[in-house]
Protein backbone atom coordinates (compact mmCIF):
# COMPACT_ATOMS: atom_id res chain seq x y z
CA UNK A 1 123.01 84.04 79.90
CA UNK A 2 120.84 86.04 81.95
CA UNK A 3 122.77 89.54 81.28
CA UNK A 4 122.65 88.66 77.57
CA UNK A 5 118.69 88.15 77.71
CA UNK A 6 118.36 91.40 79.79
CA UNK A 7 120.41 93.63 77.24
CA UNK A 8 118.59 91.83 74.28
CA UNK A 9 115.09 92.34 75.94
CA UNK A 10 115.34 95.72 77.03
CA UNK A 11 116.72 96.85 73.28
CA UNK A 12 113.73 95.30 71.52
CA UNK A 13 111.20 96.10 74.17
CA UNK A 14 112.37 99.71 73.93
CA UNK A 15 112.44 100.02 70.69
CA UNK A 16 109.16 98.68 69.82
CA UNK A 17 107.15 100.47 72.21
CA UNK A 18 109.03 103.64 70.81
CA UNK A 19 107.19 102.69 67.55
CA UNK A 20 104.00 102.09 68.84
CA UNK A 21 103.95 105.69 70.46
CA UNK A 22 105.09 107.24 67.26
CA UNK A 23 102.45 105.23 65.30
CA UNK A 24 99.35 106.06 67.71
CA UNK A 25 100.73 109.91 67.71
CA UNK A 26 101.63 109.79 71.53
CA UNK A 27 105.44 110.72 70.67
CA UNK A 28 106.24 113.56 68.32
CA UNK A 29 110.26 112.60 67.11
CA UNK A 30 112.43 109.92 67.65
CA UNK A 31 114.97 112.17 66.83
CA UNK A 32 116.59 112.82 70.19
CA UNK A 33 116.53 108.66 71.35
CA UNK A 34 119.25 109.21 68.68
CA UNK A 35 120.90 112.36 69.11
CA UNK A 36 119.49 113.76 72.04
CA UNK A 37 121.09 115.09 74.94
CA UNK A 38 120.18 114.52 78.75
CA UNK A 39 117.91 117.26 80.25
CA UNK A 40 116.90 118.84 76.79
CA UNK A 41 113.40 119.89 76.38
CA UNK A 42 111.55 117.52 74.40
CA UNK A 43 109.92 118.53 71.53
CA UNK A 44 105.98 117.77 71.32
CA UNK A 45 104.90 119.43 68.23
CA UNK A 46 105.44 121.95 65.94
CA UNK A 47 103.97 124.99 64.23
CA UNK A 48 104.83 127.75 61.08
CA UNK A 49 105.37 131.22 62.73
CA UNK A 50 103.11 132.68 60.33
CA UNK A 51 100.10 130.40 61.33
CA UNK A 52 100.83 131.10 64.90
CA UNK A 53 100.54 134.56 64.10
CA UNK A 54 97.27 134.30 62.75
CA UNK A 55 96.10 132.23 65.50
CA UNK A 56 97.63 133.89 68.44
CA UNK A 57 99.27 137.23 68.26
CA UNK A 58 99.70 137.90 71.73
CA UNK A 59 101.73 134.75 72.18
CA UNK A 60 103.57 135.09 68.77
CA UNK A 61 105.01 138.35 69.78
CA UNK A 62 106.25 136.85 73.06
CA UNK A 63 107.98 134.17 71.46
CA UNK A 64 109.94 136.48 69.30
CA UNK A 65 110.79 139.02 71.99
CA UNK A 66 112.34 135.70 73.53
CA UNK A 67 113.50 134.16 70.55
CA UNK A 68 117.20 133.72 71.98
CA UNK A 69 116.38 131.98 75.65
CA UNK A 70 112.60 130.57 74.54
CA UNK A 71 109.35 131.74 75.85
CA UNK A 72 107.91 129.60 78.92
CA UNK A 73 104.08 129.37 79.37
CA UNK A 74 102.81 126.61 81.54
CA UNK A 75 105.74 124.93 81.77
CA UNK A 76 105.65 124.65 77.69
CA UNK A 77 108.74 126.12 76.27
CA UNK A 78 108.43 127.87 72.51
CA UNK A 79 111.36 128.38 70.46
CA UNK A 80 111.55 130.46 67.37
CA UNK A 81 113.91 128.71 65.13
CA UNK A 82 115.87 130.42 62.29
CA UNK A 83 113.87 128.65 59.45
CA UNK A 84 110.55 129.97 60.81
CA UNK A 85 108.94 126.90 62.77
CA UNK A 86 107.81 127.18 66.44
CA UNK A 87 109.00 124.32 68.22
CA UNK A 88 106.72 123.61 71.47
CA UNK A 89 108.51 121.66 74.11
CA UNK A 90 107.47 119.90 77.21
CA UNK A 91 109.74 118.15 79.76
CA UNK A 92 112.97 117.28 79.58
CA UNK A 93 114.88 113.99 78.06
CA UNK A 94 115.77 111.43 80.64
CA UNK A 95 119.27 110.66 79.25
CA UNK A 96 121.65 110.88 76.42
CA UNK A 97 120.60 109.59 73.24
CA UNK A 98 122.59 106.84 71.35
CA UNK A 99 125.22 108.90 69.60
CA UNK A 100 126.32 110.93 72.62
CA UNK A 101 125.85 108.07 74.92
CA UNK A 102 128.55 106.57 72.74
CA UNK A 103 130.73 109.59 72.70
CA UNK A 104 130.56 110.31 76.86
CA UNK A 105 131.27 106.96 77.96
CA UNK A 106 134.43 107.54 75.71
CA UNK A 107 135.38 110.75 76.95
CA UNK A 108 133.87 110.81 80.34
CA UNK A 109 133.79 107.53 81.50
CA UNK A 110 136.47 104.86 79.89
CA UNK A 111 139.14 107.51 79.20
CA UNK A 112 139.45 108.46 82.75
CA UNK A 113 139.19 104.84 83.38
CA UNK A 114 141.92 104.10 81.43
CA UNK A 115 144.02 106.62 83.46
CA UNK A 116 142.98 104.98 86.64
CA UNK A 117 143.70 101.34 85.35
CA UNK A 118 147.28 102.61 84.13
CA UNK A 119 148.21 104.21 87.28
CA UNK A 120 146.74 101.23 89.63
CA UNK A 121 147.85 98.57 87.66
CA UNK A 122 151.45 100.09 87.58
CA UNK A 123 151.34 99.68 90.90
CA UNK A 124 150.03 96.39 91.66
CA UNK A 125 152.88 95.17 89.00
CA UNK A 126 155.20 96.37 91.59
CA UNK A 127 153.42 94.43 94.34
CA UNK A 128 153.43 91.62 92.18
CA UNK A 129 157.58 92.01 90.82
CA UNK A 130 158.63 92.57 94.76
CA UNK A 131 156.56 89.35 95.71
CA UNK A 132 154.25 91.51 98.01
CA UNK A 133 151.30 90.14 96.72
CA UNK A 134 152.05 86.35 97.74
CA UNK A 135 153.05 87.40 101.19
CA UNK A 136 149.77 89.74 101.49
CA UNK A 137 147.72 86.27 100.09
CA UNK A 138 149.73 83.76 102.37
CA UNK A 139 148.77 86.10 105.47
CA UNK A 140 144.66 86.19 104.19
CA UNK A 141 144.57 82.70 103.36
CA UNK A 142 143.25 81.25 106.31
CA UNK A 143 140.25 83.43 105.52
CA UNK A 144 139.94 83.71 102.13
CA UNK A 145 140.35 79.82 101.33
CA UNK A 146 136.88 79.61 103.31
CA UNK A 147 135.10 81.54 101.02
CA UNK A 148 136.95 80.75 98.19
CA UNK A 149 137.49 77.25 98.51
CA UNK A 150 138.29 76.68 94.59
CA UNK A 151 141.22 78.87 94.60
CA UNK A 152 144.63 77.76 95.89
CA UNK A 153 146.10 78.89 98.96
CA UNK A 154 148.09 82.03 98.82
CA UNK A 155 146.60 82.80 95.20
CA UNK A 156 147.71 86.45 93.88
CA UNK A 157 144.04 86.77 93.57
CA UNK A 158 143.51 87.03 97.59
CA UNK A 159 145.85 90.19 97.41
CA UNK A 160 144.02 91.91 94.57
CA UNK A 161 140.61 91.46 96.26
CA UNK A 162 142.35 92.60 99.48
CA UNK A 163 143.07 96.11 97.67
CA UNK A 164 139.59 96.48 96.01
CA UNK A 165 137.75 95.43 99.32
CA UNK A 166 139.89 98.23 100.98
CA UNK A 167 139.19 100.87 98.45
CA UNK A 168 135.45 100.59 98.45
CA UNK A 169 135.44 100.53 102.25
CA UNK A 170 137.29 103.81 101.97
CA UNK A 171 134.90 105.41 99.06
CA UNK A 172 137.70 105.61 96.67
CA UNK A 173 136.04 103.57 93.97
CA UNK A 174 138.13 104.71 91.22
CA UNK A 175 140.81 103.22 93.00
CA UNK A 176 138.81 99.95 93.27
CA UNK A 177 138.00 99.12 89.57
CA UNK A 178 141.43 98.83 88.90
CA UNK A 179 142.19 96.60 91.90
CA UNK A 180 138.89 94.27 91.24
CA UNK A 181 139.53 93.82 87.56
CA UNK A 182 143.07 92.49 88.39
CA UNK A 183 141.39 90.33 90.94
CA UNK A 184 138.91 89.09 87.89
CA UNK A 185 141.62 88.26 85.53
CA UNK A 186 143.87 86.43 88.47
CA UNK A 187 140.68 84.30 88.79
CA UNK A 188 140.24 83.62 85.22
CA UNK A 189 143.76 82.07 85.10
CA UNK A 190 142.35 79.24 87.24
CA UNK A 191 138.82 78.82 85.66
CA UNK A 192 138.18 75.74 84.40
CA UNK A 193 135.75 76.85 81.96
CA UNK A 194 136.52 80.25 80.83
CA UNK A 195 133.36 81.25 79.33
CA UNK A 196 131.50 80.31 82.72
CA UNK A 197 132.22 82.48 85.67
CA UNK A 198 133.78 80.70 88.36
CA UNK A 199 132.14 80.03 91.85
CA UNK A 200 135.17 82.26 93.34
CA UNK A 201 134.39 85.20 90.65
CA UNK A 202 130.81 85.07 91.41
CA UNK A 203 131.67 85.36 95.15
CA UNK A 204 133.91 87.88 94.59
CA UNK A 205 131.39 90.13 92.47
CA UNK A 206 128.55 89.54 94.33
CA UNK A 207 130.69 90.96 97.61
CA UNK A 208 132.08 93.90 95.67
CA UNK A 209 128.82 95.28 94.33
CA UNK A 210 127.60 94.95 97.87
CA UNK A 211 130.23 97.79 98.38
CA UNK A 212 130.72 97.91 102.43
CA UNK A 213 131.48 101.45 102.48
CA UNK A 214 132.86 103.57 105.54
CA UNK A 215 133.22 106.64 104.15
CA UNK A 216 130.67 107.88 101.40
CA UNK A 217 132.86 110.92 100.46
CA UNK A 218 130.56 111.98 97.21
CA UNK A 219 127.50 111.66 99.15
CA UNK A 220 128.77 113.59 101.80
CA UNK A 221 129.72 116.25 99.22
CA UNK A 222 126.13 116.31 97.47
CA UNK A 223 124.29 116.59 100.64
CA UNK A 224 127.15 119.75 101.72
CA UNK A 225 125.80 121.40 98.36
CA UNK A 226 122.26 121.03 99.22
CA UNK A 227 122.71 122.71 102.12
CA UNK A 228 121.90 119.80 104.64
CA UNK A 229 122.44 120.71 108.42
CA UNK A 230 124.95 117.84 108.96
CA UNK A 231 126.05 116.40 105.34
CA UNK A 232 127.70 113.45 107.14
CA UNK A 233 124.52 112.55 109.27
CA UNK A 234 124.30 110.09 106.51
CA UNK A 235 127.09 107.82 107.35
CA UNK A 236 126.28 105.82 110.03
CA UNK A 237 123.19 104.60 108.13
CA UNK A 238 125.27 103.93 105.25
CA UNK A 239 127.58 101.83 106.91
CA UNK A 240 125.00 99.66 108.05
CA UNK A 241 122.92 99.38 105.37
CA UNK A 242 126.07 98.65 103.42
CA UNK A 243 127.52 96.27 106.05
CA UNK A 244 124.18 94.24 106.30
CA UNK A 245 124.38 94.06 102.23
CA UNK A 246 127.56 92.15 102.49
CA UNK A 247 127.03 90.03 104.91
CA UNK A 248 123.53 88.96 102.64
CA UNK A 249 125.72 88.79 99.73
CA UNK A 250 128.26 86.36 101.55
CA UNK A 251 125.37 84.33 102.93
CA UNK A 252 123.44 83.68 99.74
CA UNK A 253 126.52 82.85 97.64
CA UNK A 254 127.74 80.51 100.34
CA UNK A 255 124.31 78.81 100.73
CA UNK A 256 124.03 78.83 96.90
CA UNK A 257 127.88 77.02 96.71
CA UNK A 258 127.29 75.20 99.65
CA UNK A 259 129.82 76.96 101.75
CA UNK A 260 130.08 76.46 105.44
CA UNK A 261 130.18 80.13 107.20
CA UNK A 262 130.23 78.46 111.05
CA UNK A 263 133.68 78.41 111.61
CA UNK A 264 135.89 80.67 113.89
CA UNK A 265 137.85 81.91 111.07
CA UNK A 266 135.07 83.77 109.26
CA UNK A 267 132.94 84.57 112.37
CA UNK A 268 136.43 86.11 113.99
CA UNK A 269 137.15 88.40 110.78
CA UNK A 270 133.42 89.67 110.73
CA UNK A 271 133.83 90.43 114.26
CA UNK A 272 136.96 92.23 114.21
CA UNK A 273 135.35 94.29 111.01
CA UNK A 274 132.39 95.16 113.06
CA UNK A 275 134.85 96.42 115.96
CA UNK A 276 136.56 98.52 113.71
CA UNK A 277 133.62 100.02 111.97
CA UNK A 278 132.05 100.61 115.66
CA UNK A 279 135.10 102.35 116.87
CA UNK A 280 135.49 104.45 113.86
CA UNK A 281 131.60 105.50 114.12
CA UNK A 282 132.15 106.36 117.87
CA UNK A 283 134.92 108.46 117.07
CA UNK A 284 133.31 110.21 114.13
CA UNK A 285 130.08 110.80 116.10
CA UNK A 286 131.85 112.84 118.57
CA UNK A 287 132.86 115.18 115.89
CA UNK A 288 130.59 118.12 114.86
CA UNK A 289 129.75 118.59 110.92
CA UNK A 290 132.67 120.37 109.71
CA UNK A 291 135.23 118.35 111.73
CA UNK A 292 133.53 115.20 110.26
CA UNK A 293 133.61 116.20 106.93
CA UNK A 294 137.14 117.32 107.16
CA UNK A 295 138.49 114.05 109.08
CA UNK A 296 136.55 111.57 106.50
CA UNK A 297 138.17 113.46 103.73
CA UNK A 298 141.49 113.10 105.11
CA UNK A 299 141.10 109.39 106.04
CA UNK A 300 140.19 108.18 102.84
CA UNK A 301 142.54 110.27 100.60
CA UNK A 302 145.23 109.89 103.03
CA UNK A 303 145.18 105.72 103.62
CA UNK A 304 145.15 106.21 99.34
CA UNK A 305 148.49 107.90 99.83
CA UNK A 306 149.94 105.74 102.53
CA UNK A 307 148.94 102.49 100.45
CA UNK A 308 151.01 104.24 97.51
CA UNK A 309 153.76 105.28 99.87
CA UNK A 310 153.77 101.60 101.61
CA UNK A 311 153.99 99.89 98.10
CA UNK A 312 156.83 102.30 96.76
CA UNK A 313 159.06 102.03 100.17
CA UNK A 314 158.60 98.20 100.10
CA UNK A 315 159.91 98.09 96.76
CA UNK A 316 162.77 100.28 97.24
CA UNK A 317 163.74 98.09 100.48
CA UNK A 318 163.25 94.89 98.37
CA UNK A 319 165.23 96.64 95.04
CA UNK A 320 167.59 93.51 95.01
CA UNK A 321 164.38 91.50 93.78
CA UNK A 322 164.42 94.02 90.99
CA UNK A 323 167.78 93.27 90.07
CA UNK A 324 167.53 89.75 90.15
CA UNK A 325 164.82 89.86 87.49
CA UNK A 326 167.01 92.02 85.39
CA UNK A 327 164.55 95.05 86.00
CA UNK A 328 163.97 98.12 88.04
CA UNK A 329 161.45 99.49 89.89
CA UNK A 330 159.99 102.23 86.96
CA UNK A 331 160.17 99.73 84.74
CA UNK A 332 158.14 97.30 86.69
CA UNK A 333 155.57 99.94 86.82
CA UNK A 334 155.51 100.95 83.59
CA UNK A 335 154.95 97.58 82.45
CA UNK A 336 152.06 97.30 84.72
CA UNK A 337 150.71 100.38 83.77
CA UNK A 338 150.61 99.17 79.42
CA UNK A 339 148.44 95.64 81.49
CA UNK A 340 146.22 98.45 82.84
CA UNK A 341 145.81 99.93 79.54
CA UNK A 342 145.15 97.05 77.37
CA UNK A 343 142.79 95.77 79.83
CA UNK A 344 140.79 99.13 79.75
CA UNK A 345 140.30 98.81 75.73
CA UNK A 346 139.01 95.12 76.03
CA UNK A 347 136.45 96.45 78.52
CA UNK A 348 135.19 99.57 76.02
CA UNK A 349 133.07 97.20 73.93
CA UNK A 350 131.19 96.02 77.28
CA UNK A 351 130.59 99.30 78.76
CA UNK A 352 129.00 100.91 75.34
CA UNK A 353 126.54 98.23 74.90
CA UNK A 354 125.19 97.89 78.17
CA UNK A 355 125.09 101.93 78.61
CA UNK A 356 123.68 102.36 75.66
CA UNK A 357 120.91 99.82 75.79
CA UNK A 358 120.34 101.45 79.39
CA UNK A 359 120.03 104.85 77.32
CA UNK A 360 116.97 103.73 75.30
CA UNK A 361 115.43 102.25 78.12
CA UNK A 362 115.28 105.01 80.00
CA UNK A 363 114.39 107.69 76.63
CA UNK A 364 111.66 105.28 75.51
CA UNK A 365 109.76 105.69 79.05
CA UNK A 366 109.58 102.30 79.85
CA UNK A 367 111.66 103.16 82.93
CA UNK A 368 109.01 105.70 83.93
CA UNK A 369 106.08 103.09 83.29
CA UNK A 370 108.21 100.76 85.47
CA UNK A 371 108.65 103.16 88.43
CA UNK A 372 104.78 104.16 88.29
CA UNK A 373 104.06 100.67 88.68
CA UNK A 374 106.11 100.11 91.63
CA UNK A 375 104.89 103.52 92.90
CA UNK A 376 101.44 102.50 92.59
CA UNK A 377 102.15 98.88 94.19
CA UNK A 378 103.45 100.69 97.25
CA UNK A 379 100.50 102.97 97.41
CA UNK A 380 98.10 100.30 97.81
CA UNK A 381 100.04 99.09 100.91
CA UNK A 382 99.56 102.54 102.34
CA UNK A 383 103.67 102.95 102.39
CA UNK A 384 104.92 106.33 103.70
CA UNK A 385 104.84 108.65 100.75
CA UNK A 386 108.27 109.87 101.86
CA UNK A 387 109.68 106.67 101.26
CA UNK A 388 107.72 106.14 98.07
CA UNK A 389 109.44 109.78 96.82
CA UNK A 390 112.98 108.11 97.35
CA UNK A 391 111.85 104.73 95.49
CA UNK A 392 112.76 106.19 91.87
CA UNK A 393 116.75 106.50 93.18
CA UNK A 394 116.33 102.79 94.45
CA UNK A 395 115.03 101.26 91.03
CA UNK A 396 117.32 103.37 88.88
CA UNK A 397 120.59 102.79 90.80
CA UNK A 398 120.91 99.15 89.46
CA UNK A 399 121.06 100.91 86.00
CA UNK A 400 122.60 103.81 85.96
CA UNK A 401 124.85 105.22 88.76
CA UNK A 402 123.68 109.09 86.68
CA UNK A 403 120.21 108.51 86.68
CA UNK A 404 119.86 107.78 89.69
CA UNK A 405 122.24 110.19 90.94
CA UNK A 406 119.73 113.02 89.18
CA UNK A 407 116.65 111.31 91.22
CA UNK A 408 118.66 111.96 94.30
CA UNK A 409 119.49 115.40 93.85
CA UNK A 410 116.19 116.16 92.65
CA UNK A 411 114.56 114.70 95.65
CA UNK A 412 116.77 116.74 98.05
CA UNK A 413 115.85 119.63 96.06
CA UNK A 414 112.24 119.11 95.90
CA UNK A 415 111.75 117.61 99.61
CA UNK A 416 114.45 119.02 101.19
CA UNK A 417 117.87 117.31 102.19
CA UNK A 418 117.10 116.71 105.80
CA UNK A 419 113.45 115.23 104.78
CA UNK A 420 113.37 111.25 104.71
CA UNK A 421 112.81 111.49 101.20
CA UNK A 422 115.97 113.44 100.99
CA UNK A 423 117.86 110.98 103.22
CA UNK A 424 116.89 107.65 101.94
CA UNK A 425 117.55 108.82 98.11
CA UNK A 426 121.17 109.48 99.63
CA UNK A 427 121.40 105.79 101.31
CA UNK A 428 119.74 104.36 98.28
CA UNK A 429 122.79 106.32 95.81
CA UNK A 430 125.66 105.26 98.53
CA UNK A 431 124.84 101.62 99.76
CA UNK A 432 124.36 100.41 96.41
CA UNK A 433 126.27 99.65 93.02
CA UNK A 434 125.11 99.71 89.23
CA UNK A 435 124.60 96.34 89.01
CA UNK A 436 124.18 95.76 85.27
CA UNK A 437 127.27 98.05 84.54
CA UNK A 438 129.72 96.17 86.93
CA UNK A 439 128.33 92.89 85.81
CA UNK A 440 129.33 93.77 82.13
CA UNK A 441 132.30 95.54 82.84
CA UNK A 442 134.05 92.82 85.07
CA UNK A 443 132.78 89.97 83.35
CA UNK A 444 133.95 91.63 80.07
CA UNK A 445 137.25 91.98 81.10
CA UNK A 446 137.90 88.64 81.36
CA UNK A 447 135.38 87.62 78.27
CA UNK A 448 132.96 85.59 80.75
CA UNK A 449 129.64 84.76 78.85
CA UNK A 450 127.98 82.86 81.05
CA UNK A 451 127.49 84.59 84.30
CA UNK A 452 125.26 81.77 86.03
CA UNK A 453 123.53 83.19 88.93
CA UNK A 454 125.26 86.20 89.57
CA UNK A 455 122.68 88.86 88.59
CA UNK A 456 119.80 86.98 90.60
CA UNK A 457 121.88 87.33 93.62
CA UNK A 458 122.98 90.94 93.25
CA UNK A 459 119.72 92.26 92.39
CA UNK A 460 118.24 90.25 95.65
CA UNK A 461 121.40 92.13 97.95
CA UNK A 462 120.26 95.40 96.36
CA UNK A 463 116.65 94.53 97.39
CA UNK A 464 117.95 93.54 100.90
CA UNK A 465 119.89 96.80 100.95
CA UNK A 466 116.82 98.96 99.94
CA UNK A 467 114.83 97.07 102.85
CA UNK A 468 117.40 97.73 105.23
CA UNK A 469 117.83 101.36 104.16
CA UNK A 470 113.93 102.11 104.93
CA UNK A 471 114.49 100.37 108.65
CA UNK A 472 117.82 102.19 109.19
CA UNK A 473 116.65 105.92 108.24
CA UNK A 474 113.18 105.53 110.10
CA UNK A 475 115.06 104.37 113.62
CA UNK A 476 117.96 106.73 112.80
CA UNK A 477 116.48 110.01 111.53
């Protein structure tokens, strides 16, 4: 219900505000909201070339001389069109319009997702048909049964969730999504009310969204591209922030669901994970900048290849199981891959609905107003200006990964990748998830309509990550 209201309200409020701006003369055209593309110049007025020539001969001559590229003066761009109209542009469009968003969602997000789902769901089916998932679930049952008490002991969802958490841990987002969707589908099978999110689904999604990450590969790459002194220096703050966020998600959901975490199994598991993180951090921090980048890249991708190797090798070793079921390894993979494609088709409407709504929200300038209000409030409390400069990334991150990425790159370009604003913006980007998109994608994949308190806890965890990131950056850098 919360997600439905959010989607409905931002659509209505954004469109009403756009018409208000148009009616009061503060907005020249609404065509860009429908057909415009991100970073296109925004048209603020138009004038006939003949009239401009009569009023300002010098300006007209400069515009004509730069007809192909446009003439820029005082941050305004003058473009002479073939129909004799001079467009005056100022600023850039925040996001793609409705039609480009629909197109790009399919071409840039959905089609690649279909590919990832097809391949990794094929691998997961191999694990399932070879009985490896049940063995993995049985191995992890002592821990999972403590935080997922509604799931039967040894349920297949345990194995899928493990793969999802491992992929997130290594920064393999593309691999994590198929595993996570299969986990949601598996838990939906034992969900008593199919339209309502179960406690187990809520716990899993909040932990997934917290995104415990060891290797923020993409963030390191962006920092390297911006000529940061040490691109990999963001690793330790990112790990600490995402680890605190994951613990916060676990505690918040456990309190809501009245799950007792004070037992040796949960405490021991958290201790082991902390020890692994500490060991890897100790080793990585002994490396120089180039060595860090090389090691982290090989570790994340190497583990992925190792997982594929182990799955296929295990299936070959247990090929008799496939023969008993009148199939073979390749046919089993293809059967699972078909399920991945079906899942991809099912989630498309949810992706388009959410991304189009967020596109309208950003292009209506309401997002800018919200950010301005938060910035003004922080200034009242004398918050460090460097922190305020990074806040747009934190505000945008739950709504749009692409939008927050743009703010992050802009912060690094404007203030420097090694400034507090640049480092903090990277941390906001790397230690959080696109909350509303994830909520729509995962619950949409199993047709859950009532998400209960999932959204509120996920946003609360986002806030914890923001506060943690600020403290960590202040202490570390």
